[in-house]
PDB file of all heavy atoms in Angstrom:
ATOM      1  N   ARG A   1      16.829  -7.877  -7.230  1.00  0.00           N
ATOM      2  CA  ARG A   1      17.988  -6.978  -7.121  1.00  0.00           C
ATOM      3  C   ARG A   1      18.833  -7.215  -5.869  1.00  0.00           C
ATOM      4  O   ARG A   1      19.750  -6.459  -5.578  1.00  0.00           O
ATOM      5  CB  ARG A   1      17.509  -5.534  -7.144  1.00  0.00           C
ATOM      6  CG  ARG A   1      17.022  -5.155  -8.532  1.00  0.00           C
ATOM      7  CD  ARG A   1      16.243  -3.865  -8.526  1.00  0.00           C
ATOM      8  NE  ARG A   1      15.827  -3.488  -9.861  1.00  0.00           N
ATOM      9  CZ  ARG A   1      14.864  -4.074 -10.546  1.00  0.00           C
ATOM     10  NH1 ARG A   1      14.200  -5.074 -10.037  1.00  0.00           N
ATOM     11  NH2 ARG A   1      14.535  -3.678 -11.763  1.00  0.00           N
ATOM     12  N   GLY A   2      18.487  -8.259  -5.116  1.00  0.00           N
ATOM     13  CA  GLY A   2      19.247  -8.584  -3.925  1.00  0.00           C
ATOM     14  C   GLY A   2      19.046  -7.582  -2.783  1.00  0.00           C
ATOM     15  O   GLY A   2      19.953  -7.364  -1.977  1.00  0.00           O
ATOM     16  N   ILE A   3      17.855  -6.986  -2.706  1.00  0.00           N
ATOM     17  CA  ILE A   3      17.529  -6.001  -1.702  1.00  0.00           C
ATOM     18  C   ILE A   3      16.479  -6.590  -0.777  1.00  0.00           C
ATOM     19  O   ILE A   3      15.465  -7.106  -1.237  1.00  0.00           O
ATOM     20  CB  ILE A   3      17.001  -4.719  -2.331  1.00  0.00           C
ATOM     21  CG1 ILE A   3      18.037  -4.101  -3.264  1.00  0.00           C
ATOM     22  CG2 ILE A   3      16.577  -3.706  -1.260  1.00  0.00           C
ATOM     23  CD1 ILE A   3      17.494  -2.976  -4.131  1.00  0.00           C
ATOM     24  N   LYS A   4      16.710  -6.497   0.536  1.00  0.00           N
ATOM     25  CA  LYS A   4      15.719  -6.971   1.500  1.00  0.00           C
ATOM     26  C   LYS A   4      14.588  -5.937   1.634  1.00  0.00           C
ATOM     27  O   LYS A   4      14.836  -4.767   1.877  1.00  0.00           O
ATOM     28  CB  LYS A   4      16.352  -7.185   2.860  1.00  0.00           C
ATOM     29  CG  LYS A   4      15.381  -7.745   3.874  1.00  0.00           C
ATOM     30  CD  LYS A   4      16.021  -7.958   5.221  1.00  0.00           C
ATOM     31  CE  LYS A   4      14.974  -8.458   6.209  1.00  0.00           C
ATOM     32  NZ  LYS A   4      15.546  -8.651   7.541  1.00  0.00           N
ATOM     33  N   VAL A   5      13.374  -6.375   1.416  1.00  0.00           N
ATOM     34  CA  VAL A   5      12.208  -5.503   1.523  1.00  0.00           C
ATOM     35  C   VAL A   5      11.430  -5.894   2.781  1.00  0.00           C
ATOM     36  O   VAL A   5      11.157  -7.078   2.985  1.00  0.00           O
ATOM     37  CB  VAL A   5      11.290  -5.642   0.277  1.00  0.00           C
ATOM     38  CG1 VAL A   5      10.028  -4.834   0.415  1.00  0.00           C
ATOM     39  CG2 VAL A   5      12.068  -5.223  -0.980  1.00  0.00           C
ATOM     40  N   VAL A   6      11.122  -4.908   3.604  1.00  0.00           N
ATOM     41  CA  VAL A   6      10.347  -5.177   4.818  1.00  0.00           C
ATOM     42  C   VAL A   6       9.001  -4.461   4.709  1.00  0.00           C
ATOM     43  O   VAL A   6       8.910  -3.400   4.129  1.00  0.00           O
ATOM     44  CB  VAL A   6      11.101  -4.725   6.087  1.00  0.00           C
ATOM     45  CG1 VAL A   6      12.370  -5.523   6.289  1.00  0.00           C
ATOM     46  CG2 VAL A   6      11.412  -3.263   6.066  1.00  0.00           C
ATOM     47  N   GLY A   7       7.982  -5.064   5.271  1.00  0.00           N
ATOM     48  CA  GLY A   7       6.644  -4.478   5.245  1.00  0.00           C
ATOM     49  C   GLY A   7       6.426  -3.574   6.442  1.00  0.00           C
ATOM     50  O   GLY A   7       7.101  -3.693   7.460  1.00  0.00           O
ATOM     51  N   ILE A   8       5.476  -2.663   6.306  1.00  0.00           N
ATOM     52  CA  ILE A   8       5.079  -1.802   7.407  1.00  0.00           C
ATOM     53  C   ILE A   8       3.575  -1.813   7.498  1.00  0.00           C
ATOM     54  O   ILE A   8       2.865  -2.140   6.557  1.00  0.00           O
ATOM     55  CB  ILE A   8       5.568  -0.355   7.218  1.00  0.00           C
ATOM     56  CG1 ILE A   8       4.958   0.275   5.956  1.00  0.00           C
ATOM     57  CG2 ILE A   8       7.087  -0.291   7.178  1.00  0.00           C
ATOM     58  CD1 ILE A   8       5.087   1.773   5.890  1.00  0.00           C
ATOM     59  N   ASP A   9       3.051  -1.423   8.650  1.00  0.00           N
ATOM     60  CA  ASP A   9       1.604  -1.289   8.847  1.00  0.00           C
ATOM     61  C   ASP A   9       1.249   0.111   8.408  1.00  0.00           C
ATOM     62  O   ASP A   9       1.618   1.095   9.047  1.00  0.00           O
ATOM     63  CB  ASP A   9       1.231  -1.523  10.301  1.00  0.00           C
ATOM     64  CG  ASP A   9      -0.255  -1.371  10.550  1.00  0.00           C
ATOM     65  OD1 ASP A   9      -1.016  -1.174   9.577  1.00  0.00           O
ATOM     66  OD2 ASP A   9      -0.640  -1.456  11.721  1.00  0.00           O
ATOM     67  N   ALA A  10       0.528   0.235   7.304  1.00  0.00           N
ATOM     68  CA  ALA A  10       0.179   1.544   6.747  1.00  0.00           C
ATOM     69  C   ALA A  10      -1.185   2.023   7.188  1.00  0.00           C
ATOM     70  O   ALA A  10      -1.676   3.016   6.666  1.00  0.00           O
ATOM     71  CB  ALA A  10       0.240   1.485   5.220  1.00  0.00           C
ATOM     72  N   ALA A  11      -1.772   1.369   8.175  1.00  0.00           N
ATOM     73  CA  ALA A  11      -3.147   1.721   8.580  1.00  0.00           C
ATOM     74  C   ALA A  11      -3.296   3.179   8.993  1.00  0.00           C
ATOM     75  O   ALA A  11      -4.334   3.780   8.771  1.00  0.00           O
ATOM     76  CB  ALA A  11      -3.589   0.811   9.730  1.00  0.00           C
ATOM     77  N   ASN A  12      -2.273   3.754   9.596  1.00  0.00           N
ATOM     78  CA  ASN A  12      -2.373   5.136  10.084  1.00  0.00           C
ATOM     79  C   ASN A  12      -1.764   6.151   9.135  1.00  0.00           C
ATOM     80  O   ASN A  12      -1.682   7.340   9.486  1.00  0.00           O
ATOM     81  CB  ASN A  12      -1.732   5.263  11.458  1.00  0.00           C
ATOM     82  CG  ASN A  12      -2.497   4.458  12.508  1.00  0.00           C
ATOM     83  OD1 ASN A  12      -3.732   4.422  12.474  1.00  0.00           O
ATOM     84  ND2 ASN A  12      -1.791   3.816  13.410  1.00  0.00           N
ATOM     85  N   LEU A  13      -1.324   5.740   7.976  1.00  0.00           N
ATOM     86  CA  LEU A  13      -0.734   6.660   7.008  1.00  0.00           C
ATOM     87  C   LEU A  13      -1.873   7.364   6.235  1.00  0.00           C
ATOM     88  O   LEU A  13      -2.947   6.790   6.048  1.00  0.00           O
ATOM     89  CB  LEU A  13       0.176   5.937   6.029  1.00  0.00           C
ATOM     90  CG  LEU A  13       1.439   5.321   6.638  1.00  0.00           C
ATOM     91  CD1 LEU A  13       2.202   4.578   5.571  1.00  0.00           C
ATOM     92  CD2 LEU A  13       2.322   6.401   7.261  1.00  0.00           C
ATOM     93  N   PRO A  14      -1.616   8.589   5.747  1.00  0.00           N
ATOM     94  CA  PRO A  14      -2.648   9.256   4.930  1.00  0.00           C
ATOM     95  C   PRO A  14      -3.005   8.358   3.723  1.00  0.00           C
ATOM     96  O   PRO A  14      -2.120   7.802   3.086  1.00  0.00           O
ATOM     97  CB  PRO A  14      -1.947  10.538   4.459  1.00  0.00           C
ATOM     98  CG  PRO A  14      -0.860  10.757   5.450  1.00  0.00           C
ATOM     99  CD  PRO A  14      -0.425   9.399   5.919  1.00  0.00           C
ATOM    100  N   ASP A  15      -4.237   8.236   3.455  1.00  0.00           N
ATOM    101  CA  ASP A  15      -4.762   7.444   2.343  1.00  0.00           C
ATOM    102  C   ASP A  15      -4.484   5.936   2.483  1.00  0.00           C
ATOM    103  O   ASP A  15      -4.697   5.172   1.532  1.00  0.00           O
ATOM    104  CB  ASP A  15      -4.227   7.933   0.993  1.00  0.00           C
ATOM    105  CG  ASP A  15      -4.602   9.358   0.699  1.00  0.00           C
ATOM    106  OD1 ASP A  15      -5.700   9.787   1.114  1.00  0.00           O
ATOM    107  OD2 ASP A  15      -3.826  10.080   0.061  1.00  0.00           O
ATOM    108  N   GLY A  16      -4.046   5.483   3.651  1.00  0.00           N
ATOM    109  CA  GLY A  16      -3.777   4.077   3.857  1.00  0.00           C
ATOM    110  C   GLY A  16      -4.995   3.190   3.640  1.00  0.00           C
ATOM    111  O   GLY A  16      -4.891   2.118   3.057  1.00  0.00           O
ATOM    112  N   GLU A  17      -6.145   3.656   4.080  1.00  0.00           N
ATOM    113  CA  GLU A  17      -7.365   2.864   3.914  1.00  0.00           C
ATOM    114  C   GLU A  17      -7.764   2.783   2.443  1.00  0.00           C
ATOM    115  O   GLU A  17      -8.170   1.732   1.955  1.00  0.00           O
ATOM    116  CB  GLU A  17      -8.514   3.476   4.714  1.00  0.00           C
ATOM    117  CG  GLU A  17      -9.767   2.612   4.726  1.00  0.00           C
ATOM    118  CD  GLU A  17     -10.846   3.183   5.622  1.00  0.00           C
ATOM    119  OE1 GLU A  17     -10.536   3.912   6.590  1.00  0.00           O
ATOM    120  OE2 GLU A  17     -12.028   2.897   5.329  1.00  0.00           O
ATOM    121  N   ILE A  18      -7.601   3.879   1.704  1.00  0.00           N
ATOM    122  CA  ILE A  18      -7.911   3.882   0.272  1.00  0.00           C
ATOM    123  C   ILE A  18      -7.003   2.903  -0.448  1.00  0.00           C
ATOM    124  O   ILE A  18      -7.451   2.119  -1.287  1.00  0.00           O
ATOM    125  CB  ILE A  18      -7.765   5.302  -0.320  1.00  0.00           C
ATOM    126  CG1 ILE A  18      -8.806   6.230   0.296  1.00  0.00           C
ATOM    127  CG2 ILE A  18      -7.866   5.285  -1.834  1.00  0.00           C
ATOM    128  CD1 ILE A  18      -8.581   7.699  -0.014  1.00  0.00           C
ATOM    129  N   ALA A  19      -5.707   2.951  -0.144  1.00  0.00           N
ATOM    130  CA  ALA A  19      -4.752   2.040  -0.769  1.00  0.00           C
ATOM    131  C   ALA A  19      -5.089   0.589  -0.440  1.00  0.00           C
ATOM    132  O   ALA A  19      -5.028  -0.267  -1.327  1.00  0.00           O
ATOM    133  CB  ALA A  19      -3.349   2.384  -0.332  1.00  0.00           C
ATOM    134  N   ALA A  20      -5.425   0.304   0.826  1.00  0.00           N
ATOM    135  CA  ALA A  20      -5.733  -1.057   1.231  1.00  0.00           C
ATOM    136  C   ALA A  20      -6.940  -1.622   0.479  1.00  0.00           C
ATOM    137  O   ALA A  20      -7.018  -2.821   0.253  1.00  0.00           O
ATOM    138  CB  ALA A  20      -5.985  -1.113   2.726  1.00  0.00           C
ATOM    139  N   LYS A  21      -7.827  -0.745   0.077  1.00  0.00           N
ATOM    140  CA  LYS A  21      -9.036  -1.175  -0.666  1.00  0.00           C
ATOM    141  C   LYS A  21      -8.821  -1.172  -2.170  1.00  0.00           C
ATOM    142  O   LYS A  21      -9.739  -1.397  -2.928  1.00  0.00           O
ATOM    143  CB  LYS A  21     -10.211  -0.267  -0.313  1.00  0.00           C
ATOM    144  CG  LYS A  21     -10.671  -0.430   1.117  1.00  0.00           C
ATOM    145  CD  LYS A  21     -11.841   0.483   1.415  1.00  0.00           C
ATOM    146  CE  LYS A  21     -12.310   0.325   2.861  1.00  0.00           C
ATOM    147  NZ  LYS A  21     -13.404   1.219   3.188  1.00  0.00           N
ATOM    148  N   GLY A  22      -7.590  -0.905  -2.615  1.00  0.00           N
ATOM    149  CA  GLY A  22      -7.280  -0.949  -4.049  1.00  0.00           C
ATOM    150  C   GLY A  22      -7.612   0.334  -4.786  1.00  0.00           C
ATOM    151  O   GLY A  22      -7.693   0.355  -6.006  1.00  0.00           O
ATOM    152  N   GLY A  23      -7.799   1.423  -4.071  1.00  0.00           N
ATOM    153  CA  GLY A  23      -8.204   2.694  -4.661  1.00  0.00           C
ATOM    154  C   GLY A  23      -7.212   3.289  -5.644  1.00  0.00           C
ATOM    155  O   GLY A  23      -7.593   4.139  -6.456  1.00  0.00           O
ATOM    156  N   PHE A  24      -5.971   2.891  -5.615  1.00  0.00           N
ATOM    157  CA  PHE A  24      -4.970   3.448  -6.520  1.00  0.00           C
ATOM    158  C   PHE A  24      -4.653   2.511  -7.684  1.00  0.00           C
ATOM    159  O   PHE A  24      -3.762   2.801  -8.485  1.00  0.00           O
ATOM    160  CB  PHE A  24      -3.691   3.788  -5.751  1.00  0.00           C
ATOM    161  CG  PHE A  24      -3.911   4.786  -4.659  1.00  0.00           C
ATOM    162  CD1 PHE A  24      -3.574   4.507  -3.359  1.00  0.00           C
ATOM    163  CD2 PHE A  24      -4.504   6.022  -4.933  1.00  0.00           C
ATOM    164  CE1 PHE A  24      -3.789   5.427  -2.348  1.00  0.00           C
ATOM    165  CE2 PHE A  24      -4.739   6.941  -3.920  1.00  0.00           C
ATOM    166  CZ  PHE A  24      -4.377   6.621  -2.627  1.00  0.00           C
ATOM    167  N   LEU A  25      -5.398   1.414  -7.778  1.00  0.00           N
ATOM    168  CA  LEU A  25      -5.187   0.471  -8.881  1.00  0.00           C
ATOM    169  C   LEU A  25      -6.055   0.870 -10.076  1.00  0.00           C
ATOM    170  O   LEU A  25      -7.061   1.556  -9.922  1.00  0.00           O
ATOM    171  CB  LEU A  25      -5.560  -0.951  -8.428  1.00  0.00           C
ATOM    172  CG  LEU A  25      -4.710  -1.502  -7.294  1.00  0.00           C
ATOM    173  CD1 LEU A  25      -5.276  -2.850  -6.830  1.00  0.00           C
ATOM    174  CD2 LEU A  25      -3.265  -1.646  -7.706  1.00  0.00           C
ATOM    175  N   PRO A  26      -5.687   0.447 -11.291  1.00  0.00           N
ATOM    176  CA  PRO A  26      -6.487   0.791 -12.458  1.00  0.00           C
ATOM    177  C   PRO A  26      -7.888   0.184 -12.350  1.00  0.00           C
ATOM    178  O   PRO A  26      -8.068  -0.885 -11.779  1.00  0.00           O
ATOM    179  CB  PRO A  26      -5.706   0.217 -13.639  1.00  0.00           C
ATOM    180  CG  PRO A  26      -4.715  -0.739 -13.064  1.00  0.00           C
ATOM    181  CD  PRO A  26      -4.527  -0.368 -11.630  1.00  0.00           C
ATOM    182  N   GLY A  27      -8.850   0.871 -12.932  1.00  0.00           N
ATOM    183  CA  GLY A  27     -10.221   0.420 -12.903  1.00  0.00           C
ATOM    184  C   GLY A  27     -10.469  -0.747 -13.844  1.00  0.00           C
ATOM    185  O   GLY A  27      -9.584  -1.108 -14.642  1.00  0.00           O
ATOM    186  N   PRO A  28     -11.658  -1.303 -13.842  1.00  0.00           N
ATOM    187  CA  PRO A  28     -11.958  -2.486 -14.651  1.00  0.00           C
ATOM    188  C   PRO A  28     -11.918  -2.233 -16.147  1.00  0.00           C
ATOM    189  O   PRO A  28     -11.760  -3.153 -16.935  1.00  0.00           O
ATOM    190  CB  PRO A  28     -13.365  -2.899 -14.209  1.00  0.00           C
ATOM    191  CG  PRO A  28     -13.936  -1.680 -13.578  1.00  0.00           C
ATOM    192  CD  PRO A  28     -12.803  -0.896 -13.025  1.00  0.00           C
TER     193      PRO A  28
END
């Protein structure tokens, strides 16, 4: 879409650790 996307460090965000471990992805 021609939009620049920048990353952020989500380590200190609520549920950041869960997200980093794939906790919000669909199960097997």
